Amino acid sequence: MGKRGERIARGYLEARGYVFIAANWHCRAGELDLVMIDGDDLVFAEVKTRRGERFGRAEEAVSSSKASRVLAAAEWFLAAHPELQERIWRCDIVAVTIGSERQPDVTHYINAIVAG
C-alpha cells in the first residue's frame, strides 16, 4: 500500500506543478520517499498512507525520530547532489488516506518537518 500511496502523492504534486527528481532515494541516514522541485524550492516529501483513520490519521505516523531521519537523509541527498545545494529546501508530509470507496484523500502539509 505504501508504494501506491507514493504514486498517488507524486501524481498529486505533479498536478500542482511540482517536478519529479527522485523516489525512494536511500542513504545511510534513511530513505526519502519523494524528491521534487516546487518553483525554486527543493522539496523532500515524506509520504504516509493509511486505509482510513481507525489507527489514526496518516500524518500522525511521522514520529520525531522519523522526522530526524528525513532531515538527515535530506542532508545526505544535498551532499550527493551539489548542483542542488544552492536551492532553498524544505520537508513536507503528504498524507494519503484510501477509504472504503477507494477514492484517495490527499492532504499536503508544506514545511511540516523542521529541525529542532
N, C-alpha and C. Protein backbone atom coordinates (compact mmCIF):
# COMPACT_ATOMS: atom_id res chain seq x y z
N MET A 1 0.82 -1.19 0.00
CA MET A 1 0.00 0.00 0.00
C MET A 1 0.87 1.26 0.00
N GLY A 2 2.06 1.19 0.60
CA GLY A 2 2.94 2.35 0.66
C GLY A 2 3.35 2.84 -0.72
N LYS A 3 3.68 1.90 -1.61
CA LYS A 3 4.08 2.30 -2.97
C LYS A 3 2.91 2.93 -3.71
N ARG A 4 1.72 2.40 -3.48
CA ARG A 4 0.53 3.01 -4.12
C ARG A 4 0.34 4.44 -3.62
N GLY A 5 0.49 4.63 -2.32
CA GLY A 5 0.38 5.97 -1.75
C GLY A 5 1.42 6.92 -2.32
N GLU A 6 2.63 6.42 -2.54
CA GLU A 6 3.68 7.26 -3.12
C GLU A 6 3.34 7.65 -4.55
N ARG A 7 2.77 6.72 -5.31
CA ARG A 7 2.35 7.05 -6.69
C ARG A 7 1.24 8.10 -6.67
N ILE A 8 0.29 7.94 -5.76
CA ILE A 8 -0.80 8.92 -5.64
C ILE A 8 -0.24 10.28 -5.25
N ALA A 9 0.67 10.30 -4.27
CA ALA A 9 1.27 11.56 -3.81
C ALA A 9 2.05 12.23 -4.93
N ARG A 10 2.82 11.45 -5.67
CA ARG A 10 3.58 12.02 -6.78
C ARG A 10 2.65 12.65 -7.81
N GLY A 11 1.59 11.93 -8.18
CA GLY A 11 0.62 12.48 -9.14
C GLY A 11 -0.03 13.74 -8.63
N TYR A 12 -0.36 13.76 -7.35
CA TYR A 12 -0.96 14.94 -6.73
C TYR A 12 -0.02 16.14 -6.84
N LEU A 13 1.23 15.93 -6.49
CA LEU A 13 2.20 17.04 -6.54
C LEU A 13 2.48 17.48 -7.98
N GLU A 14 2.64 16.53 -8.88
CA GLU A 14 2.88 16.89 -10.28
C GLU A 14 1.70 17.66 -10.87
N ALA A 15 0.49 17.32 -10.48
CA ALA A 15 -0.70 18.03 -10.96
C ALA A 15 -0.70 19.48 -10.49
N ARG A 16 0.06 19.76 -9.45
CA ARG A 16 0.16 21.12 -8.91
C ARG A 16 1.45 21.82 -9.34
N GLY A 17 2.12 21.26 -10.34
CA GLY A 17 3.28 21.91 -10.93
C GLY A 17 4.63 21.49 -10.39
N TYR A 18 4.66 20.58 -9.44
CA TYR A 18 5.94 20.09 -8.92
C TYR A 18 6.63 19.25 -9.99
N VAL A 19 7.95 19.26 -9.98
CA VAL A 19 8.74 18.50 -10.94
C VAL A 19 9.43 17.36 -10.19
N PHE A 20 9.28 16.16 -10.70
CA PHE A 20 9.84 14.96 -10.07
C PHE A 20 11.36 14.92 -10.25
N ILE A 21 12.07 14.60 -9.17
CA ILE A 21 13.53 14.42 -9.21
C ILE A 21 13.89 12.97 -8.88
N ALA A 22 13.36 12.43 -7.78
CA ALA A 22 13.72 11.07 -7.36
C ALA A 22 12.63 10.49 -6.47
N ALA A 23 12.62 9.16 -6.40
CA ALA A 23 11.72 8.45 -5.48
C ALA A 23 12.51 7.36 -4.77
N ASN A 24 12.18 7.14 -3.52
CA ASN A 24 12.79 6.09 -2.73
C ASN A 24 14.31 6.16 -2.74
N TRP A 25 14.83 7.36 -2.53
CA TRP A 25 16.28 7.59 -2.51
C TRP A 25 16.82 7.12 -1.16
N HIS A 26 17.80 6.21 -1.20
CA HIS A 26 18.35 5.61 0.02
C HIS A 26 19.75 6.12 0.33
N CYS A 27 20.03 6.22 1.62
CA CYS A 27 21.38 6.53 2.11
C CYS A 27 21.50 5.93 3.51
N ARG A 28 22.65 6.13 4.14
CA ARG A 28 22.84 5.56 5.48
C ARG A 28 21.88 6.15 6.51
N ALA A 29 21.43 7.36 6.29
CA ALA A 29 20.52 8.02 7.24
C ALA A 29 19.09 7.52 7.11
N GLY A 30 18.75 6.96 5.97
CA GLY A 30 17.37 6.51 5.76
C GLY A 30 16.95 6.64 4.31
N GLU A 31 15.66 6.88 4.11
CA GLU A 31 15.09 6.95 2.77
C GLU A 31 14.26 8.22 2.62
N LEU A 32 14.32 8.78 1.42
CA LEU A 32 13.45 9.89 1.05
C LEU A 32 12.40 9.34 0.09
N ASP A 33 11.13 9.49 0.44
CA ASP A 33 10.07 8.94 -0.41
C ASP A 33 10.02 9.63 -1.76
N LEU A 34 9.95 10.96 -1.75
CA LEU A 34 9.90 11.73 -2.99
C LEU A 34 10.79 12.95 -2.87
N VAL A 35 11.49 13.25 -3.95
CA VAL A 35 12.26 14.50 -4.05
C VAL A 35 11.69 15.23 -5.26
N MET A 36 11.23 16.46 -5.04
CA MET A 36 10.54 17.23 -6.07
C MET A 36 11.07 18.66 -6.09
N ILE A 37 10.79 19.36 -7.16
CA ILE A 37 11.08 20.79 -7.26
C ILE A 37 9.74 21.53 -7.30
N ASP A 38 9.61 22.54 -6.45
CA ASP A 38 8.42 23.39 -6.42
C ASP A 38 8.89 24.82 -6.65
N GLY A 39 8.81 25.27 -7.90
CA GLY A 39 9.34 26.60 -8.23
C GLY A 39 10.84 26.61 -8.03
N ASP A 40 11.32 27.43 -7.10
CA ASP A 40 12.75 27.48 -6.79
C ASP A 40 13.13 26.55 -5.64
N ASP A 41 12.14 25.96 -4.98
CA ASP A 41 12.39 25.15 -3.78
C ASP A 41 12.60 23.68 -4.11
N LEU A 42 13.52 23.07 -3.38
CA LEU A 42 13.71 21.63 -3.41
C LEU A 42 12.87 21.05 -2.28
N VAL A 43 12.05 20.06 -2.59
CA VAL A 43 11.11 19.51 -1.61
C VAL A 43 11.40 18.03 -1.38
N PHE A 44 11.58 17.68 -0.11
CA PHE A 44 11.70 16.29 0.30
C PHE A 44 10.35 15.93 0.93
N ALA A 45 9.62 15.04 0.28
CA ALA A 45 8.27 14.72 0.73
C ALA A 45 8.23 13.34 1.38
N GLU A 46 7.80 13.31 2.63
CA GLU A 46 7.56 12.06 3.35
C GLU A 46 6.10 11.70 3.12
N VAL A 47 5.87 10.51 2.56
CA VAL A 47 4.52 10.08 2.22
C VAL A 47 4.06 9.04 3.24
N LYS A 48 2.87 9.25 3.80
CA LYS A 48 2.27 8.30 4.72
C LYS A 48 0.90 7.91 4.19
N THR A 49 0.65 6.62 4.15
CA THR A 49 -0.59 6.11 3.57
C THR A 49 -1.33 5.26 4.61
N ARG A 50 -2.64 5.42 4.66
CA ARG A 50 -3.49 4.66 5.57
C ARG A 50 -4.77 4.24 4.84
N ARG A 51 -5.37 3.17 5.34
CA ARG A 51 -6.70 2.73 4.88
C ARG A 51 -7.71 3.21 5.91
N GLY A 52 -8.06 4.45 5.86
CA GLY A 52 -8.99 5.00 6.84
C GLY A 52 -8.25 5.51 8.07
N GLU A 53 -9.03 5.93 9.06
CA GLU A 53 -8.43 6.57 10.23
C GLU A 53 -8.59 5.74 11.50
N ARG A 54 -8.87 4.48 11.37
CA ARG A 54 -9.08 3.62 12.54
C ARG A 54 -7.87 3.64 13.48
N PHE A 55 -6.67 3.66 12.93
CA PHE A 55 -5.45 3.67 13.73
C PHE A 55 -4.78 5.03 13.71
N GLY A 56 -5.56 6.07 13.46
CA GLY A 56 -5.02 7.43 13.42
C GLY A 56 -4.86 7.91 12.00
N ARG A 57 -4.71 9.20 11.88
CA ARG A 57 -4.54 9.80 10.55
C ARG A 57 -3.13 9.51 10.05
N ALA A 58 -2.99 9.49 8.74
CA ALA A 58 -1.71 9.14 8.12
C ALA A 58 -0.58 10.05 8.59
N GLU A 59 -0.84 11.34 8.65
CA GLU A 59 0.22 12.28 9.02
C GLU A 59 0.70 12.11 10.46
N GLU A 60 -0.12 11.48 11.30
CA GLU A 60 0.27 11.24 12.69
C GLU A 60 1.33 10.15 12.81
N ALA A 61 1.59 9.43 11.73
CA ALA A 61 2.57 8.35 11.74
C ALA A 61 4.00 8.86 11.61
N VAL A 62 4.20 10.15 11.45
CA VAL A 62 5.56 10.71 11.35
C VAL A 62 6.02 11.07 12.76
N SER A 63 6.79 10.18 13.36
CA SER A 63 7.30 10.39 14.71
C SER A 63 8.47 11.38 14.68
N SER A 64 8.89 11.81 15.84
CA SER A 64 10.04 12.73 15.90
C SER A 64 11.30 12.03 15.42
N SER A 65 11.45 10.73 15.69
CA SER A 65 12.64 10.02 15.19
C SER A 65 12.59 9.88 13.67
N LYS A 66 11.40 9.66 13.11
CA LYS A 66 11.27 9.59 11.65
C LYS A 66 11.58 10.95 11.04
N ALA A 67 11.09 12.01 11.66
CA ALA A 67 11.37 13.36 11.17
C ALA A 67 12.87 13.63 11.17
N SER A 68 13.56 13.20 12.21
CA SER A 68 15.02 13.38 12.28
C SER A 68 15.71 12.62 11.16
N ARG A 69 15.24 11.41 10.86
CA ARG A 69 15.84 10.63 9.77
C ARG A 69 15.60 11.28 8.42
N VAL A 70 14.42 11.86 8.22
CA VAL A 70 14.13 12.55 6.96
C VAL A 70 15.06 13.74 6.80
N LEU A 71 15.23 14.52 7.84
CA LEU A 71 16.13 15.68 7.78
C LEU A 71 17.57 15.25 7.50
N ALA A 72 18.01 14.18 8.15
CA ALA A 72 19.37 13.68 7.92
C ALA A 72 19.53 13.17 6.49
N ALA A 73 18.53 12.45 6.00
CA ALA A 73 18.59 11.95 4.62
C ALA A 73 18.61 13.11 3.62
N ALA A 74 17.88 14.17 3.92
CA ALA A 74 17.89 15.35 3.05
C ALA A 74 19.30 15.94 2.97
N GLU A 75 19.98 16.00 4.10
CA GLU A 75 21.37 16.50 4.11
C GLU A 75 22.28 15.60 3.27
N TRP A 76 22.10 14.30 3.38
CA TRP A 76 22.88 13.37 2.57
C TRP A 76 22.58 13.56 1.08
N PHE A 77 21.31 13.75 0.75
CA PHE A 77 20.93 13.97 -0.65
C PHE A 77 21.63 15.22 -1.19
N LEU A 78 21.61 16.27 -0.42
CA LEU A 78 22.25 17.52 -0.85
C LEU A 78 23.75 17.33 -1.03
N ALA A 79 24.37 16.57 -0.16
CA ALA A 79 25.81 16.30 -0.28
C ALA A 79 26.10 15.51 -1.56
N ALA A 80 25.18 14.63 -1.94
CA ALA A 80 25.36 13.81 -3.14
C ALA A 80 24.99 14.54 -4.42
N HIS A 81 24.31 15.67 -4.30
CA HIS A 81 23.85 16.43 -5.47
C HIS A 81 24.24 17.90 -5.33
N PRO A 82 25.52 18.20 -5.51
CA PRO A 82 25.98 19.58 -5.31
C PRO A 82 25.28 20.59 -6.22
N GLU A 83 24.76 20.15 -7.35
CA GLU A 83 24.07 21.07 -8.26
C GLU A 83 22.76 21.61 -7.65
N LEU A 84 22.28 20.96 -6.60
CA LEU A 84 21.03 21.39 -5.95
C LEU A 84 21.26 22.08 -4.61
N GLN A 85 22.50 22.19 -4.18
CA GLN A 85 22.80 22.70 -2.84
C GLN A 85 22.45 24.16 -2.64
N GLU A 86 22.38 24.93 -3.69
CA GLU A 86 22.08 26.36 -3.54
C GLU A 86 20.58 26.65 -3.41
N ARG A 87 19.77 25.64 -3.64
CA ARG A 87 18.32 25.83 -3.54
C ARG A 87 17.86 25.88 -2.08
N ILE A 88 16.84 26.66 -1.84
CA ILE A 88 16.14 26.59 -0.56
C ILE A 88 15.42 25.25 -0.54
N TRP A 89 15.44 24.58 0.59
CA TRP A 89 14.78 23.28 0.65
C TRP A 89 13.89 23.18 1.88
N ARG A 90 12.95 22.24 1.77
CA ARG A 90 12.01 22.01 2.87
C ARG A 90 11.58 20.55 2.86
N CYS A 91 11.01 20.13 3.98
CA CYS A 91 10.49 18.76 4.11
C CYS A 91 8.99 18.82 4.36
N ASP A 92 8.24 18.25 3.44
CA ASP A 92 6.78 18.23 3.52
C ASP A 92 6.30 16.84 3.93
N ILE A 93 5.06 16.77 4.35
CA ILE A 93 4.39 15.49 4.56
C ILE A 93 3.20 15.45 3.60
N VAL A 94 3.06 14.34 2.90
CA VAL A 94 1.88 14.11 2.07
C VAL A 94 1.16 12.90 2.66
N ALA A 95 -0.03 13.15 3.19
CA ALA A 95 -0.83 12.10 3.82
C ALA A 95 -1.88 11.61 2.82
N VAL A 96 -1.87 10.30 2.58
CA VAL A 96 -2.81 9.69 1.65
C VAL A 96 -3.69 8.73 2.44
N THR A 97 -4.99 8.96 2.40
CA THR A 97 -5.94 8.06 3.06
C THR A 97 -6.80 7.42 1.99
N ILE A 98 -6.77 6.10 1.96
CA ILE A 98 -7.56 5.35 0.98
C ILE A 98 -8.75 4.78 1.72
N GLY A 99 -9.92 5.35 1.49
CA GLY A 99 -11.13 4.92 2.18
C GLY A 99 -11.79 3.73 1.51
N SER A 100 -12.91 3.32 2.05
CA SER A 100 -13.62 2.15 1.53
C SER A 100 -14.13 2.39 0.11
N GLU A 101 -14.37 3.65 -0.24
CA GLU A 101 -14.84 3.95 -1.60
C GLU A 101 -13.68 3.96 -2.61
N ARG A 102 -12.46 3.77 -2.11
CA ARG A 102 -11.25 3.67 -2.93
C ARG A 102 -10.83 4.99 -3.58
N GLN A 103 -11.53 6.06 -3.30
CA GLN A 103 -11.11 7.37 -3.79
C GLN A 103 -10.15 7.94 -2.75
N PRO A 104 -8.88 8.09 -3.09
CA PRO A 104 -7.92 8.56 -2.09
C PRO A 104 -8.13 10.02 -1.70
N ASP A 105 -7.88 10.30 -0.44
CA ASP A 105 -7.90 11.66 0.08
C ASP A 105 -6.45 12.04 0.33
N VAL A 106 -6.00 13.14 -0.26
CA VAL A 106 -4.61 13.58 -0.13
C VAL A 106 -4.58 14.91 0.60
N THR A 107 -3.76 14.98 1.64
CA THR A 107 -3.54 16.22 2.37
C THR A 107 -2.04 16.51 2.35
N HIS A 108 -1.69 17.72 1.94
CA HIS A 108 -0.28 18.11 1.79
C HIS A 108 0.06 19.14 2.86
N TYR A 109 1.03 18.80 3.69
CA TYR A 109 1.50 19.70 4.75
C TYR A 109 2.86 20.25 4.34
N ILE A 110 2.89 21.51 3.97
CA ILE A 110 4.11 22.15 3.49
C ILE A 110 5.00 22.53 4.66
N ASN A 111 6.29 22.22 4.53
CA ASN A 111 7.30 22.54 5.54
C ASN A 111 6.91 21.97 6.91
N ALA A 112 6.40 20.75 6.91
CA ALA A 112 5.88 20.13 8.13
C ALA A 112 6.96 19.52 9.01
N ILE A 113 8.11 19.23 8.44
CA ILE A 113 9.21 18.64 9.21
C ILE A 113 10.32 19.68 9.28
N VAL A 114 10.60 20.13 10.48
CA VAL A 114 11.64 21.15 10.67
C VAL A 114 12.60 20.70 11.77
N ALA A 115 13.81 21.19 11.71
CA ALA A 115 14.82 20.85 12.72
C ALA A 115 14.48 21.52 14.04
N GLY A 116 14.86 20.83 15.10
CA GLY A 116 14.78 21.46 16.41
C GLY A 116 13.62 21.12 17.20
